[in-house]
Amino acid sequence: MLLVRHAKASHDTSYNDFERPLKHSGIDDATLMAERLKNASIIPQILVASSSVRTAATADILSEHLLLPKPTLNKNIYEGGQKVALAIINHFEDQYDFVGLVGHNPDIAELVYYFTREMRDIPPGTAILISFEVDEWKLISKGMGTLTWFGSPKDQ
């Protein structure tokens, strides 16, 4: 599974939180991370993303550069919390063995810790690859994952 925190978003107060767009630097960071994922051959079959503007835009950039279908948007990822995100993951279709989830913090950081027991700082635009030794999404649970790749736009 690939977990991605949305890239840097505008803090312009004329937008409500859900409608905040990516900053220009966020667009650049999402493009950079898509290229890093592509170069590392980390390409999920599909992306599922929060329907907030900044998260959907991050997922669109990733899908475009990784040549994936248009992301599936799920409004429940936005402000749903770690339990809701886990429920969404547990309901991924088993026909896909590699899915990317594009969401928000603190949920992404909490999922990384929940699955791997590793505490990580997750800056905007970060992508984390977690592997599991199970064949069904519904079986994924606490402590069952291994963090196998971590990339942030801050990395040089």
C-alpha atoms as a PDB file:
ATOM      1  CA  MET A   1       0.000   0.000   0.000  1.00  0.00           C
ATOM      2  CA  LEU A   2       1.135   3.499  -0.804  1.00  0.00           C
ATOM      3  CA  LEU A   3       0.113   6.268   1.610  1.00  0.00           C
ATOM      4  CA  VAL A   4       0.501   9.851   0.400  1.00  0.00           C
ATOM      5  CA  ARG A   5      -0.074  13.091   2.264  1.00  0.00           C
ATOM      6  CA  HIS A   6      -1.391  15.831  -0.032  1.00  0.00           C
ATOM      7  CA  ALA A   7       1.160  18.386  -1.214  1.00  0.00           C
ATOM      8  CA  LYS A   8       1.479  21.953   0.109  1.00  0.00           C
ATOM      9  CA  ALA A   9      -1.776  23.883   0.012  1.00  0.00           C
ATOM     10  CA  SER A  10      -2.672  27.553   0.080  1.00  0.00           C
ATOM     11  CA  HIS A  11      -3.439  29.138   3.431  1.00  0.00           C
ATOM     12  CA  ASP A  12      -5.372  31.974   1.788  1.00  0.00           C
ATOM     13  CA  THR A  13      -8.264  32.723   4.164  1.00  0.00           C
ATOM     14  CA  SER A  14     -10.683  33.352   1.285  1.00  0.00           C
ATOM     15  CA  TYR A  15     -10.981  29.542   0.949  1.00  0.00           C
ATOM     16  CA  ASN A  16     -12.644  27.249   3.441  1.00  0.00           C
ATOM     17  CA  ASP A  17     -10.427  24.314   4.431  1.00  0.00           C
ATOM     18  CA  PHE A  18     -12.035  21.808   2.052  1.00  0.00           C
ATOM     19  CA  GLU A  19     -11.560  24.139  -0.940  1.00  0.00           C
ATOM     20  CA  ARG A  20      -7.911  25.085  -0.373  1.00  0.00           C
ATOM     21  CA  PRO A  21      -5.964  24.552  -3.643  1.00  0.00           C
ATOM     22  CA  LEU A  22      -2.367  23.456  -3.983  1.00  0.00           C
ATOM     23  CA  LYS A  23       0.296  26.151  -3.912  1.00  0.00           C
ATOM     24  CA  HIS A  24       2.590  26.363  -6.924  1.00  0.00           C
ATOM     25  CA  SER A  25       5.272  24.727  -4.778  1.00  0.00           C
ATOM     26  CA  GLY A  26       2.771  21.979  -3.911  1.00  0.00           C
ATOM     27  CA  ILE A  27       2.190  21.278  -7.608  1.00  0.00           C
ATOM     28  CA  ASP A  28       5.968  21.112  -8.096  1.00  0.00           C
ATOM     29  CA  ASP A  29       6.363  18.815  -5.056  1.00  0.00           C
ATOM     30  CA  ALA A  30       3.599  16.448  -6.212  1.00  0.00           C
ATOM     31  CA  THR A  31       5.209  16.271  -9.656  1.00  0.00           C
ATOM     32  CA  LEU A  32       8.617  15.610  -8.082  1.00  0.00           C
ATOM     33  CA  MET A  33       7.211  12.819  -5.914  1.00  0.00           C
ATOM     34  CA  ALA A  34       5.420  11.265  -8.890  1.00  0.00           C
ATOM     35  CA  GLU A  35       8.727  11.147 -10.750  1.00  0.00           C
ATOM     36  CA  ARG A  36      10.495   9.651  -7.714  1.00  0.00           C
ATOM     37  CA  LEU A  37       7.814   6.975  -7.395  1.00  0.00           C
ATOM     38  CA  LYS A  38       8.034   6.246 -11.117  1.00  0.00           C
ATOM     39  CA  ASN A  39      11.839   6.003 -10.999  1.00  0.00           C
ATOM     40  CA  ALA A  40      11.602   3.613  -8.017  1.00  0.00           C
ATOM     41  CA  SER A  41       8.953   1.531  -9.870  1.00  0.00           C
ATOM     42  CA  ILE A  42       6.465   2.223  -7.071  1.00  0.00           C
ATOM     43  CA  ILE A  43       3.284   2.444  -9.111  1.00  0.00           C
ATOM     44  CA  PRO A  44      -0.029   1.431  -7.550  1.00  0.00           C
ATOM     45  CA  GLN A  45      -2.805   0.031  -9.706  1.00  0.00           C
ATOM     46  CA  ILE A  46      -5.284   2.667  -8.509  1.00  0.00           C
ATOM     47  CA  LEU A  47      -5.439   5.720  -6.254  1.00  0.00           C
ATOM     48  CA  VAL A  48      -8.166   6.502  -3.727  1.00  0.00           C
ATOM     49  CA  ALA A  49      -8.134  10.087  -2.462  1.00  0.00           C
ATOM     50  CA  SER A  50      -9.929  12.529  -0.241  1.00  0.00           C
ATOM     51  CA  SER A  51     -12.259  14.738  -2.239  1.00  0.00           C
ATOM     52  CA  SER A  52     -10.805  17.961  -0.793  1.00  0.00           C
ATOM     53  CA  VAL A  53      -9.444  20.191  -3.557  1.00  0.00           C
ATOM     54  CA  ARG A  54      -5.778  19.947  -2.503  1.00  0.00           C
ATOM     55  CA  THR A  55      -5.877  16.174  -2.064  1.00  0.00           C
ATOM     56  CA  ALA A  56      -7.737  15.479  -5.291  1.00  0.00           C
ATOM     57  CA  ALA A  57      -5.244  17.716  -7.133  1.00  0.00           C
ATOM     58  CA  THR A  58      -2.299  15.827  -5.602  1.00  0.00           C
ATOM     59  CA  ALA A  59      -3.870  12.512  -6.641  1.00  0.00           C
ATOM     60  CA  ASP A  60      -4.547  13.852 -10.158  1.00  0.00           C
ATOM     61  CA  ILE A  61      -0.889  14.827 -10.570  1.00  0.00           C
ATOM     62  CA  LEU A  62       0.262  11.413  -9.346  1.00  0.00           C
ATOM     63  CA  SER A  63      -2.160   9.540 -11.599  1.00  0.00           C
ATOM     64  CA  GLU A  64      -1.197  11.620 -14.637  1.00  0.00           C
ATOM     65  CA  HIS A  65       2.550  11.054 -14.186  1.00  0.00           C
ATOM     66  CA  LEU A  66       2.199   7.391 -13.215  1.00  0.00           C
ATOM     67  CA  LEU A  67      -0.239   6.736 -16.088  1.00  0.00           C
ATOM     68  CA  LEU A  68      -3.002   5.550 -13.760  1.00  0.00           C
ATOM     69  CA  PRO A  69      -6.774   5.798 -14.125  1.00  0.00           C
ATOM     70  CA  LYS A  70      -8.412   8.902 -12.678  1.00  0.00           C
ATOM     71  CA  PRO A  71      -8.350   8.653  -8.859  1.00  0.00           C
ATOM     72  CA  THR A  72     -11.434   7.485  -6.985  1.00  0.00           C
ATOM     73  CA  LEU A  73     -12.503  10.286  -4.634  1.00  0.00           C
ATOM     74  CA  ASN A  74     -13.919   9.445  -1.218  1.00  0.00           C
ATOM     75  CA  LYS A  75     -15.320  12.308   0.867  1.00  0.00           C
ATOM     76  CA  ASN A  76     -15.025  10.223   4.052  1.00  0.00           C
ATOM     77  CA  ILE A  77     -11.224  10.443   3.964  1.00  0.00           C
ATOM     78  CA  TYR A  78     -11.503  14.190   4.628  1.00  0.00           C
ATOM     79  CA  GLU A  79     -11.665  14.656   8.415  1.00  0.00           C
ATOM     80  CA  GLY A  80     -12.626  10.998   8.814  1.00  0.00           C
ATOM     81  CA  GLY A  81      -9.747  10.115  11.095  1.00  0.00           C
ATOM     82  CA  GLN A  82      -7.562   7.043  11.244  1.00  0.00           C
ATOM     83  CA  LYS A  83     -10.433   4.641  12.020  1.00  0.00           C
ATOM     84  CA  VAL A  84     -12.404   5.752   8.978  1.00  0.00           C
ATOM     85  CA  ALA A  85      -9.285   5.510   6.790  1.00  0.00           C
ATOM     86  CA  LEU A  86      -8.633   1.991   8.096  1.00  0.00           C
ATOM     87  CA  ALA A  87     -12.234   1.008   7.293  1.00  0.00           C
ATOM     88  CA  ILE A  88     -11.793   2.365   3.760  1.00  0.00           C
ATOM     89  CA  ILE A  89      -8.547   0.390   3.350  1.00  0.00           C
ATOM     90  CA  ASN A  90     -10.175  -2.776   4.709  1.00  0.00           C
ATOM     91  CA  HIS A  91     -12.850  -2.405   2.002  1.00  0.00           C
ATOM     92  CA  PHE A  92     -10.460  -2.025  -0.946  1.00  0.00           C
ATOM     93  CA  GLU A  93     -11.290  -4.527  -3.662  1.00  0.00           C
ATOM     94  CA  ASP A  94      -9.070  -7.619  -3.511  1.00  0.00           C
ATOM     95  CA  GLN A  95      -8.658  -7.540  -7.295  1.00  0.00           C
ATOM     96  CA  TYR A  96      -6.052  -4.836  -6.564  1.00  0.00           C
ATOM     97  CA  ASP A  97      -2.942  -5.887  -4.706  1.00  0.00           C
ATOM     98  CA  PHE A  98      -1.364  -2.404  -4.751  1.00  0.00           C
ATOM     99  CA  VAL A  99      -3.514   0.617  -3.909  1.00  0.00           C
ATOM    100  CA  GLY A 100      -2.485   4.180  -3.110  1.00  0.00           C
ATOM    101  CA  LEU A 101      -4.404   6.265  -0.560  1.00  0.00           C
ATOM    102  CA  VAL A 102      -3.966  10.042  -0.772  1.00  0.00           C
ATOM    103  CA  GLY A 103      -5.096  11.815   2.365  1.00  0.00           C
ATOM    104  CA  HIS A 104      -4.389  14.238   5.171  1.00  0.00           C
ATOM    105  CA  ASN A 105      -2.418  14.449   8.354  1.00  0.00           C
ATOM    106  CA  PRO A 106      -2.681  13.501  11.134  1.00  0.00           C
ATOM    107  CA  ASP A 107      -4.409  10.473   9.564  1.00  0.00           C
ATOM    108  CA  ILE A 108      -1.486   9.458   7.320  1.00  0.00           C
ATOM    109  CA  ALA A 109       1.040   9.637  10.181  1.00  0.00           C
ATOM    110  CA  GLU A 110      -1.350   7.732  12.438  1.00  0.00           C
ATOM    111  CA  LEU A 111      -1.820   5.012   9.803  1.00  0.00           C
ATOM    112  CA  VAL A 112       1.943   4.660   9.362  1.00  0.00           C
ATOM    113  CA  TYR A 113       2.338   4.192  13.110  1.00  0.00           C
ATOM    114  CA  TYR A 114      -0.707   1.903  13.384  1.00  0.00           C
ATOM    115  CA  PHE A 115       0.535  -0.400  10.632  1.00  0.00           C
ATOM    116  CA  THR A 116       4.313  -0.310  11.250  1.00  0.00           C
ATOM    117  CA  ARG A 117       4.853   0.974  14.806  1.00  0.00           C
ATOM    118  CA  GLU A 118       7.232   3.554  13.337  1.00  0.00           C
ATOM    119  CA  MET A 119       6.803   7.224  14.244  1.00  0.00           C
ATOM    120  CA  ARG A 120       7.584   9.472  11.289  1.00  0.00           C
ATOM    121  CA  ASP A 121       7.333  13.147  10.489  1.00  0.00           C
ATOM    122  CA  ILE A 122       5.112  13.297   7.392  1.00  0.00           C
ATOM    123  CA  PRO A 123       5.597  16.642   5.592  1.00  0.00           C
ATOM    124  CA  PRO A 124       3.180  17.639   2.808  1.00  0.00           C
ATOM    125  CA  GLY A 125       3.745  15.599  -0.343  1.00  0.00           C
ATOM    126  CA  THR A 126       5.345  12.632   1.434  1.00  0.00           C
ATOM    127  CA  ALA A 127       4.810   9.104   0.085  1.00  0.00           C
ATOM    128  CA  ILE A 128       5.209   5.956   2.194  1.00  0.00           C
ATOM    129  CA  LEU A 129       5.227   2.385   0.917  1.00  0.00           C
ATOM    130  CA  ILE A 130       4.032  -0.217   3.408  1.00  0.00           C
ATOM    131  CA  SER A 131       4.051  -3.923   2.598  1.00  0.00           C
ATOM    132  CA  PHE A 132       1.808  -6.565   4.164  1.00  0.00           C
ATOM    133  CA  GLU A 133       1.996 -10.365   4.179  1.00  0.00           C
ATOM    134  CA  VAL A 134      -1.731 -10.881   3.551  1.00  0.00           C
ATOM    135  CA  ASP A 135      -3.800 -11.307   0.395  1.00  0.00           C
ATOM    136  CA  GLU A 136      -7.024  -9.618   1.510  1.00  0.00           C
ATOM    137  CA  TRP A 137      -7.426  -5.963   2.412  1.00  0.00           C
ATOM    138  CA  LYS A 138      -9.931  -6.822   5.148  1.00  0.00           C
ATOM    139  CA  LEU A 139      -7.190  -8.680   7.057  1.00  0.00           C
ATOM    140  CA  ILE A 140      -4.843  -5.697   7.340  1.00  0.00           C
ATOM    141  CA  SER A 141      -4.596  -4.556  10.925  1.00  0.00           C
ATOM    142  CA  LYS A 142      -2.413  -3.103  13.664  1.00  0.00           C
ATOM    143  CA  GLY A 143       1.306  -3.803  13.473  1.00  0.00           C
ATOM    144  CA  MET A 144       1.047  -5.950  10.330  1.00  0.00           C
ATOM    145  CA  GLY A 145       2.957  -3.675   7.953  1.00  0.00           C
ATOM    146  CA  THR A 146       6.592  -3.079   7.101  1.00  0.00           C
ATOM    147  CA  LEU A 147       7.698   0.363   5.973  1.00  0.00           C
ATOM    148  CA  THR A 148       9.699  -0.346   2.812  1.00  0.00           C
ATOM    149  CA  TRP A 149      10.068   3.091   1.187  1.00  0.00           C
ATOM    150  CA  PHE A 150       9.745   6.670   2.437  1.00  0.00           C
ATOM    151  CA  GLY A 151      10.085   9.764   0.296  1.00  0.00           C
ATOM    152  CA  SER A 152       9.458  13.419   0.970  1.00  0.00           C
ATOM    153  CA  PRO A 153       9.834  16.500  -1.238  1.00  0.00           C
ATOM    154  CA  LYS A 154      12.244  17.725   1.470  1.00  0.00           C
ATOM    155  CA  ASP A 155      14.637  14.848   0.666  1.00  0.00           C
ATOM    156  CA  GLN A 156      17.508  15.860  -1.577  1.00  0.00           C
END
